[in-house]
Amino acid sequence: MCGRFGLGTPEFSETRFGARALPELQPELLIPRFNIAPTQPVLTVVCSKRLDGARGLKGMTWGLTPLWAANDRSKPRPINIQSETLPDRPAYRRLLERKRCLIPSDGFYEWKRNGSARQPYHIGLADGAIFAFAGVWDAVKMGPEWLVSCAILTTRPNDLVSDLHNRQPVILRPQDEELWLSDCADARELTPLLEPLPAEEMTIYAVVPLVNNVANEGPELRQPAEAAPSQPVLL
C-alpha cells in the first residue's frame, strides 16, 4: 500500500532520471512536497513522442481513471494496483504493456495502530536518495481536455514493511528503470522488476503526527517522533 508519499527535491528529477520538463508541466510540481495525497497531481517520468522517445517530466493525477470510469464517479479510481494481478486483468494488462511510468519519490508513509491512535512512519532508501515507484498511466478525453492519471504498483512487503502493512510499493532499482520505460510489451520480461526491494536497502522511523492531516505540508512532517515538541500538535 502507498497512500501518501513525498518528494523533497523534485528539481533534481531532471538530472536523476535524465528527463526534460514537458511544456505543460505544472510549475508547482517542481516545488518540494512532503505530504502528497490521492487525487493530487504528481510528477512522473514518461517516454514522450514529442521528445522523439526521450524521457519527459509530466504531471498526472494520482488515482487511475480509465475510460470506463471517466463519467461514473462510482467506479474505482485506484491509487495502487497489485502488480501480481496485472497480467490477468485485460484492462490493466494493456497499461502494463504500453503505458508505464516512473513516479519519483524520496519516501512514503505507513501507519501502525497504537491503541486508539495511528502512528505514522516514514520509509525510504537507506541512503536517503531519490527513487522511482513503478507506475502505470492512462489518458481519457474529458470534454475538450485530457485527463491523464496514474497508479503506483504494489507487491508483497519485505521484512521492514510487513509489520505495518501487507503490501508495499514497487521501488525500481536505477538499472531497471530503462527497461520499465522501454517499449517492451512482454509481461514475462517485466515481472521480475516487480519484486519488493530488500529490507536492508531501506530505512524506517516514526514521525510526528502532522502527516496524518493531508492539509499539512513541509519538511517538519518528517521530524522523528521522539524529537517532537512536548506540547500537543494542533491539526
C-alpha atoms as a PDB file:
ATOM      1  CA  MET A   1       0.000   0.000   0.000  1.00  0.00           C
ATOM      2  CA  CYS A   2       1.083   3.558  -0.588  1.00  0.00           C
ATOM      3  CA  GLY A   3      -1.428   6.249   0.334  1.00  0.00           C
ATOM      4  CA  ARG A   4       0.890   9.151   0.998  1.00  0.00           C
ATOM      5  CA  PHE A   5       4.431   9.995  -0.120  1.00  0.00           C
ATOM      6  CA  GLY A   6       6.836  12.869  -0.594  1.00  0.00           C
ATOM      7  CA  LEU A   7       9.417  14.323  -2.950  1.00  0.00           C
ATOM      8  CA  GLY A   8      11.693  16.821  -1.259  1.00  0.00           C
ATOM      9  CA  THR A   9      13.963  17.501  -4.259  1.00  0.00           C
ATOM     10  CA  PRO A  10      11.747  17.484  -7.367  1.00  0.00           C
ATOM     11  CA  GLU A  11      14.107  19.864  -9.167  1.00  0.00           C
ATOM     12  CA  PHE A  12      16.685  17.056  -9.121  1.00  0.00           C
ATOM     13  CA  SER A  13      14.372  14.806 -11.149  1.00  0.00           C
ATOM     14  CA  GLU A  14      15.637  16.118 -14.497  1.00  0.00           C
ATOM     15  CA  THR A  15      19.191  15.103 -13.607  1.00  0.00           C
ATOM     16  CA  ARG A  16      18.360  11.903 -11.721  1.00  0.00           C
ATOM     17  CA  PHE A  17      16.079  10.490 -14.416  1.00  0.00           C
ATOM     18  CA  GLY A  18      17.615  12.122 -17.484  1.00  0.00           C
ATOM     19  CA  ALA A  19      14.317  13.811 -18.320  1.00  0.00           C
ATOM     20  CA  ARG A  20      13.173  17.162 -19.704  1.00  0.00           C
ATOM     21  CA  ALA A  21      10.169  19.058 -18.422  1.00  0.00           C
ATOM     22  CA  LEU A  22       7.324  18.927 -20.943  1.00  0.00           C
ATOM     23  CA  PRO A  23       5.769  22.327 -21.782  1.00  0.00           C
ATOM     24  CA  GLU A  24       2.533  21.688 -19.862  1.00  0.00           C
ATOM     25  CA  LEU A  25       4.284  20.610 -16.642  1.00  0.00           C
ATOM     26  CA  GLN A  26       2.728  22.487 -13.739  1.00  0.00           C
ATOM     27  CA  PRO A  27       5.398  24.650 -12.017  1.00  0.00           C
ATOM     28  CA  GLU A  28       4.108  23.606  -8.585  1.00  0.00           C
ATOM     29  CA  LEU A  29       5.239  20.035  -9.265  1.00  0.00           C
ATOM     30  CA  LEU A  30       8.837  21.241  -9.063  1.00  0.00           C
ATOM     31  CA  ILE A  31       8.298  22.573  -5.539  1.00  0.00           C
ATOM     32  CA  PRO A  32       9.246  20.255  -2.623  1.00  0.00           C
ATOM     33  CA  ARG A  33       6.246  18.354  -1.240  1.00  0.00           C
ATOM     34  CA  PHE A  34       6.177  16.143   1.825  1.00  0.00           C
ATOM     35  CA  ASN A  35       2.538  15.018   2.012  1.00  0.00           C
ATOM     36  CA  ILE A  36       1.384  14.035  -1.482  1.00  0.00           C
ATOM     37  CA  ALA A  37      -2.088  12.512  -1.353  1.00  0.00           C
ATOM     38  CA  PRO A  38      -4.503  10.721  -3.704  1.00  0.00           C
ATOM     39  CA  THR A  39      -6.327  12.855  -6.310  1.00  0.00           C
ATOM     40  CA  GLN A  40      -3.480  15.377  -6.282  1.00  0.00           C
ATOM     41  CA  PRO A  41      -1.174  15.987  -9.272  1.00  0.00           C
ATOM     42  CA  VAL A  42       2.102  14.102  -9.112  1.00  0.00           C
ATOM     43  CA  LEU A  43       5.361  14.321 -11.027  1.00  0.00           C
ATOM     44  CA  THR A  44       6.006  11.415 -13.397  1.00  0.00           C
ATOM     45  CA  VAL A  45       8.639  10.368 -15.929  1.00  0.00           C
ATOM     46  CA  VAL A  46       7.467   9.017 -19.284  1.00  0.00           C
ATOM     47  CA  CYS A  47       8.929   8.398 -22.716  1.00  0.00           C
ATOM     48  CA  SER A  48       7.439  11.173 -24.832  1.00  0.00           C
ATOM     49  CA  LYS A  49       6.678  11.048 -28.545  1.00  0.00           C
ATOM     50  CA  ARG A  50       7.114  14.820 -28.586  1.00  0.00           C
ATOM     51  CA  LEU A  51      10.698  14.276 -27.469  1.00  0.00           C
ATOM     52  CA  ASP A  52      11.261  11.538 -30.063  1.00  0.00           C
ATOM     53  CA  GLY A  53      11.044   8.899 -27.380  1.00  0.00           C
ATOM     54  CA  ALA A  54      13.274  10.657 -24.857  1.00  0.00           C
ATOM     55  CA  ARG A  55      12.226  10.963 -21.227  1.00  0.00           C
ATOM     56  CA  GLY A  56       9.926  13.784 -20.207  1.00  0.00           C
ATOM     57  CA  LEU A  57       8.620  15.071 -16.879  1.00  0.00           C
ATOM     58  CA  LYS A  58       4.828  15.185 -16.876  1.00  0.00           C
ATOM     59  CA  GLY A  59       2.131  15.892 -14.302  1.00  0.00           C
ATOM     60  CA  MET A  60      -0.585  13.284 -13.773  1.00  0.00           C
ATOM     61  CA  THR A  61      -3.466  12.883 -11.340  1.00  0.00           C
ATOM     62  CA  TRP A  62      -2.773  10.257  -8.695  1.00  0.00           C
ATOM     63  CA  GLY A  63      -5.711   7.866  -8.978  1.00  0.00           C
ATOM     64  CA  LEU A  64      -6.066   5.923 -12.215  1.00  0.00           C
ATOM     65  CA  THR A  65      -9.153   6.924 -14.227  1.00  0.00           C
ATOM     66  CA  PRO A  66      -9.631   4.506 -17.129  1.00  0.00           C
ATOM     67  CA  LEU A  67     -12.179   5.142 -19.863  1.00  0.00           C
ATOM     68  CA  TRP A  68     -14.968   3.113 -18.234  1.00  0.00           C
ATOM     69  CA  ALA A  69     -14.708   5.203 -15.038  1.00  0.00           C
ATOM     70  CA  ALA A  70     -14.360   8.637 -16.613  1.00  0.00           C
ATOM     71  CA  ASN A  71     -18.050   9.531 -16.450  1.00  0.00           C
ATOM     72  CA  ASP A  72     -19.065   7.416 -13.476  1.00  0.00           C
ATOM     73  CA  ARG A  73     -17.887   8.612 -10.070  1.00  0.00           C
ATOM     74  CA  SER A  74     -18.992   5.305  -8.509  1.00  0.00           C
ATOM     75  CA  LYS A  75     -16.273   3.443 -10.409  1.00  0.00           C
ATOM     76  CA  PRO A  76     -12.956   2.931  -8.588  1.00  0.00           C
ATOM     77  CA  ARG A  77     -10.000   5.152  -9.356  1.00  0.00           C
ATOM     78  CA  PRO A  78      -7.205   3.080  -7.821  1.00  0.00           C
ATOM     79  CA  ILE A  79      -4.142   4.813  -6.417  1.00  0.00           C
ATOM     80  CA  ASN A  80      -2.442   1.409  -6.043  1.00  0.00           C
ATOM     81  CA  ILE A  81      -2.709  -1.727  -8.180  1.00  0.00           C
ATOM     82  CA  GLN A  82      -1.443  -5.148  -7.123  1.00  0.00           C
ATOM     83  CA  SER A  83       1.325  -5.970  -9.570  1.00  0.00           C
ATOM     84  CA  GLU A  84       0.682  -9.716  -9.385  1.00  0.00           C
ATOM     85  CA  THR A  85      -2.806  -9.272 -10.865  1.00  0.00           C
ATOM     86  CA  LEU A  86      -1.863  -7.077 -13.832  1.00  0.00           C
ATOM     87  CA  PRO A  87      -1.210  -9.814 -16.419  1.00  0.00           C
ATOM     88  CA  ASP A  88      -4.561 -11.477 -15.666  1.00  0.00           C
ATOM     89  CA  ARG A  89      -6.725  -8.339 -15.931  1.00  0.00           C
ATOM     90  CA  PRO A  90      -7.124  -7.299 -19.583  1.00  0.00           C
ATOM     91  CA  ALA A  91      -7.779  -3.630 -18.860  1.00  0.00           C
ATOM     92  CA  TYR A  92      -4.676  -3.304 -16.718  1.00  0.00           C
ATOM     93  CA  ARG A  93      -2.561  -5.649 -18.810  1.00  0.00           C
ATOM     94  CA  ARG A  94      -2.866  -3.112 -21.629  1.00  0.00           C
ATOM     95  CA  LEU A  95      -1.351  -0.468 -19.356  1.00  0.00           C
ATOM     96  CA  LEU A  96       1.424  -2.814 -18.249  1.00  0.00           C
ATOM     97  CA  GLU A  97       2.275  -3.478 -21.865  1.00  0.00           C
ATOM     98  CA  ARG A  98       2.054   0.066 -23.236  1.00  0.00           C
ATOM     99  CA  LYS A  99       1.644   2.743 -20.566  1.00  0.00           C
ATOM    100  CA  ARG A 100       4.280   2.560 -17.873  1.00  0.00           C
ATOM    101  CA  CYS A 101       5.811   5.465 -15.982  1.00  0.00           C
ATOM    102  CA  LEU A 102       8.183   6.295 -13.162  1.00  0.00           C
ATOM    103  CA  ILE A 103       6.817   8.194 -10.168  1.00  0.00           C
ATOM    104  CA  PRO A 104       9.701   9.966  -8.377  1.00  0.00           C
ATOM    105  CA  SER A 105       9.763   9.978  -4.574  1.00  0.00           C
ATOM    106  CA  ASP A 106      12.178  10.029  -1.681  1.00  0.00           C
ATOM    107  CA  GLY A 107       9.925   8.432   0.906  1.00  0.00           C
ATOM    108  CA  PHE A 108       6.433   7.163   1.662  1.00  0.00           C
ATOM    109  CA  TYR A 109       4.338   6.785   4.797  1.00  0.00           C
ATOM    110  CA  GLU A 110       2.608   3.906   6.503  1.00  0.00           C
ATOM    111  CA  TRP A 111       0.667   3.809   9.764  1.00  0.00           C
ATOM    112  CA  LYS A 112       0.535   1.449  12.719  1.00  0.00           C
ATOM    113  CA  ARG A 113      -2.326   1.479  15.192  1.00  0.00           C
ATOM    114  CA  ASN A 114      -1.264   2.205  18.755  1.00  0.00           C
ATOM    115  CA  GLY A 115      -4.384   1.898  20.893  1.00  0.00           C
ATOM    116  CA  SER A 116      -6.825   4.491  19.564  1.00  0.00           C
ATOM    117  CA  ALA A 117      -4.052   6.409  17.787  1.00  0.00           C
ATOM    118  CA  ARG A 118      -2.348   5.749  14.454  1.00  0.00           C
ATOM    119  CA  GLN A 119       1.416   6.255  14.473  1.00  0.00           C
ATOM    120  CA  PRO A 120       2.851   7.324  11.099  1.00  0.00           C
ATOM    121  CA  TYR A 121       6.195   6.027   9.845  1.00  0.00           C
ATOM    122  CA  HIS A 122       8.409   7.386   7.084  1.00  0.00           C
ATOM    123  CA  ILE A 123      10.003   4.773   4.810  1.00  0.00           C
ATOM    124  CA  GLY A 124      12.723   5.432   2.260  1.00  0.00           C
ATOM    125  CA  LEU A 125      16.068   4.257   0.959  1.00  0.00           C
ATOM    126  CA  ALA A 126      18.842   3.715   3.489  1.00  0.00           C
ATOM    127  CA  ASP A 127      20.985   6.363   1.787  1.00  0.00           C
ATOM    128  CA  GLY A 128      18.126   8.869   1.561  1.00  0.00           C
ATOM    129  CA  ALA A 129      18.331   9.018  -2.240  1.00  0.00           C
ATOM    130  CA  ILE A 130      15.510   9.819  -4.616  1.00  0.00           C
ATOM    131  CA  PHE A 131      13.955   6.743  -6.260  1.00  0.00           C
ATOM    132  CA  ALA A 132      11.079   5.776  -8.557  1.00  0.00           C
ATOM    133  CA  PHE A 133       7.889   3.857  -7.907  1.00  0.00           C
ATOM    134  CA  ALA A 134       6.776   1.641 -10.785  1.00  0.00           C
ATOM    135  CA  GLY A 135       3.622   3.197 -12.186  1.00  0.00           C
ATOM    136  CA  VAL A 136       1.070   2.763 -14.956  1.00  0.00           C
ATOM    137  CA  TRP A 137      -0.985   5.532 -16.521  1.00  0.00           C
ATOM    138  CA  ASP A 138      -3.909   6.202 -18.804  1.00  0.00           C
ATOM    139  CA  ALA A 139      -5.472   9.178 -20.591  1.00  0.00           C
ATOM    140  CA  VAL A 140      -9.141   9.837 -21.328  1.00  0.00           C
ATOM    141  CA  LYS A 141     -10.841  12.754 -23.072  1.00  0.00           C
ATOM    142  CA  MET A 142     -12.972  14.809 -20.687  1.00  0.00           C
ATOM    143  CA  GLY A 143     -14.719  17.387 -22.832  1.00  0.00           C
ATOM    144  CA  PRO A 144     -12.059  19.495 -24.528  1.00  0.00           C
ATOM    145  CA  GLU A 145      -9.350  18.364 -22.083  1.00  0.00           C
ATOM    146  CA  TRP A 146      -7.434  15.164 -21.477  1.00  0.00           C
ATOM    147  CA  LEU A 147      -7.348  13.624 -18.009  1.00  0.00           C
ATOM    148  CA  VAL A 148      -4.019  11.866 -17.544  1.00  0.00           C
ATOM    149  CA  SER A 149      -3.872   9.746 -14.408  1.00  0.00           C
ATOM    150  CA  CYS A 150      -1.641   7.119 -12.820  1.00  0.00           C
ATOM    151  CA  ALA A 151      -1.391   4.459 -10.134  1.00  0.00           C
ATOM    152  CA  ILE A 152       1.508   3.012  -8.145  1.00  0.00           C
ATOM    153  CA  LEU A 153       2.105  -0.727  -8.395  1.00  0.00           C
ATOM    154  CA  THR A 154       2.416  -2.686  -5.169  1.00  0.00           C
ATOM    155  CA  THR A 155       3.942  -6.001  -4.186  1.00  0.00           C
ATOM    156  CA  ARG A 156       4.290  -8.159  -1.086  1.00  0.00           C
ATOM    157  CA  PRO A 157       6.136  -6.446   1.793  1.00  0.00           C
ATOM    158  CA  ASN A 158       9.703  -7.059   2.850  1.00  0.00           C
ATOM    159  CA  ASP A 159      10.587  -7.665   6.500  1.00  0.00           C
ATOM    160  CA  LEU A 160      10.884  -3.935   7.176  1.00  0.00           C
ATOM    161  CA  VAL A 161       7.386  -3.062   5.993  1.00  0.00           C
ATOM    162  CA  SER A 162       5.483  -6.235   6.902  1.00  0.00           C
ATOM    163  CA  ASP A 163       4.947  -5.118  10.499  1.00  0.00           C
ATOM    164  CA  LEU A 164       2.970  -2.135   9.188  1.00  0.00           C
ATOM    165  CA  HIS A 165       1.160  -3.393   6.100  1.00  0.00           C
ATOM    166  CA  ASN A 166       0.681  -6.454   3.906  1.00  0.00           C
ATOM    167  CA  ARG A 167       1.683  -4.523   0.754  1.00  0.00           C
ATOM    168  CA  GLN A 168       4.429  -2.121  -0.229  1.00  0.00           C
ATOM    169  CA  PRO A 169       5.013  -0.018  -3.343  1.00  0.00           C
ATOM    170  CA  VAL A 170       7.280  -1.366  -6.057  1.00  0.00           C
ATOM    171  CA  ILE A 171      10.523   0.621  -5.936  1.00  0.00           C
ATOM    172  CA  LEU A 172      12.560   0.143  -9.081  1.00  0.00           C
ATOM    173  CA  ARG A 173      16.320  -0.163  -8.989  1.00  0.00           C
ATOM    174  CA  PRO A 174      18.007   2.537 -11.122  1.00  0.00           C
ATOM    175  CA  GLN A 175      19.336  -0.106 -13.520  1.00  0.00           C
ATOM    176  CA  ASP A 176      15.780  -1.387 -14.112  1.00  0.00           C
ATOM    177  CA  GLU A 177      14.208   1.961 -14.911  1.00  0.00           C
ATOM    178  CA  GLU A 178      15.282   1.879 -18.553  1.00  0.00           C
ATOM    179  CA  LEU A 179      13.525  -1.434 -19.168  1.00  0.00           C
ATOM    180  CA  TRP A 180      10.421  -0.215 -17.347  1.00  0.00           C
ATOM    181  CA  LEU A 181      10.208   2.822 -19.650  1.00  0.00           C
ATOM    182  CA  SER A 182      11.139   0.909 -22.806  1.00  0.00           C
ATOM    183  CA  ASP A 183       8.675  -0.217 -25.474  1.00  0.00           C
ATOM    184  CA  CYS A 184       8.884  -3.782 -24.163  1.00  0.00           C
ATOM    185  CA  ALA A 185       5.409  -5.357 -24.169  1.00  0.00           C
ATOM    186  CA  ASP A 186       6.375  -8.740 -22.745  1.00  0.00           C
ATOM    187  CA  ALA A 187       4.934  -9.084 -19.254  1.00  0.00           C
ATOM    188  CA  ARG A 188       7.266 -12.025 -18.601  1.00  0.00           C
ATOM    189  CA  GLU A 189      10.258  -9.741 -19.017  1.00  0.00           C
ATOM    190  CA  LEU A 190       8.769  -7.035 -16.805  1.00  0.00           C
ATOM    191  CA  THR A 191       7.501  -9.255 -13.985  1.00  0.00           C
ATOM    192  CA  PRO A 192      10.941  -9.747 -12.331  1.00  0.00           C
ATOM    193  CA  LEU A 193      11.104  -5.974 -11.785  1.00  0.00           C
ATOM    194  CA  LEU A 194       8.024  -6.071  -9.559  1.00  0.00           C
ATOM    195  CA  GLU A 195       9.654  -7.717  -6.550  1.00  0.00           C
ATOM    196  CA  PRO A 196       9.924  -5.972  -3.146  1.00  0.00           C
ATOM    197  CA  LEU A 197      13.121  -4.042  -2.557  1.00  0.00           C
ATOM    198  CA  PRO A 198      15.195  -5.858   0.113  1.00  0.00           C
ATOM    199  CA  ALA A 199      14.746  -4.580   3.660  1.00  0.00           C
ATOM    200  CA  GLU A 200      18.461  -3.904   4.105  1.00  0.00           C
ATOM    201  CA  GLU A 201      18.290  -1.260   1.373  1.00  0.00           C
ATOM    202  CA  MET A 202      15.569   0.692   3.169  1.00  0.00           C
ATOM    203  CA  THR A 203      15.075   2.600   6.393  1.00  0.00           C
ATOM    204  CA  ILE A 204      12.056   3.376   8.556  1.00  0.00           C
ATOM    205  CA  TYR A 205      11.347   5.654  11.517  1.00  0.00           C
ATOM    206  CA  ALA A 206       8.318   7.030  13.353  1.00  0.00           C
ATOM    207  CA  VAL A 207       7.405  10.628  12.523  1.00  0.00           C
ATOM    208  CA  VAL A 208       5.277  13.291  14.172  1.00  0.00           C
ATOM    209  CA  PRO A 209       1.500  13.018  13.553  1.00  0.00           C
ATOM    210  CA  LEU A 210       1.400  16.157  11.416  1.00  0.00           C
ATOM    211  CA  VAL A 211       1.347  13.944   8.321  1.00  0.00           C
ATOM    212  CA  ASN A 212      -1.992  12.480   9.435  1.00  0.00           C
ATOM    213  CA  ASN A 213      -3.699  15.630   8.139  1.00  0.00           C
ATOM    214  CA  VAL A 214      -3.465  15.943   4.365  1.00  0.00           C
ATOM    215  CA  ALA A 215      -3.654  19.733   4.692  1.00  0.00           C
ATOM    216  CA  ASN A 216      -0.295  19.836   6.472  1.00  0.00           C
ATOM    217  CA  GLU A 217       2.827  20.300   4.390  1.00  0.00           C
ATOM    218  CA  GLY A 218       6.538  20.954   4.886  1.00  0.00           C
ATOM    219  CA  PRO A 219       9.780  19.205   5.870  1.00  0.00           C
ATOM    220  CA  GLU A 220       8.715  19.178   9.525  1.00  0.00           C
ATOM    221  CA  LEU A 221       6.390  16.279   8.638  1.00  0.00           C
ATOM    222  CA  ARG A 222       9.500  14.092   8.542  1.00  0.00           C
ATOM    223  CA  GLN A 223      10.608  15.071  12.032  1.00  0.00           C
ATOM    224  CA  PRO A 224      11.274  11.930  14.098  1.00  0.00           C
ATOM    225  CA  ALA A 225       8.517  11.297  16.624  1.00  0.00           C
ATOM    226  CA  GLU A 226      10.952  11.113  19.542  1.00  0.00           C
ATOM    227  CA  ALA A 227      12.164  14.616  18.669  1.00  0.00           C
ATOM    228  CA  ALA A 228       8.666  16.080  18.644  1.00  0.00           C
ATOM    229  CA  PRO A 229       7.905  19.037  20.947  1.00  0.00           C
ATOM    230  CA  SER A 230       6.196  18.201  24.223  1.00  0.00           C
ATOM    231  CA  GLN A 231       3.127  20.350  23.543  1.00  0.00           C
ATOM    232  CA  PRO A 232       0.275  18.697  21.625  1.00  0.00           C
ATOM    233  CA  VAL A 233       0.190  19.069  17.854  1.00  0.00           C
ATOM    234  CA  LEU A 234      -2.799  21.053  16.642  1.00  0.00           C
ATOM    235  CA  LEU A 235      -4.210  19.872  13.344  1.00  0.00           C
END
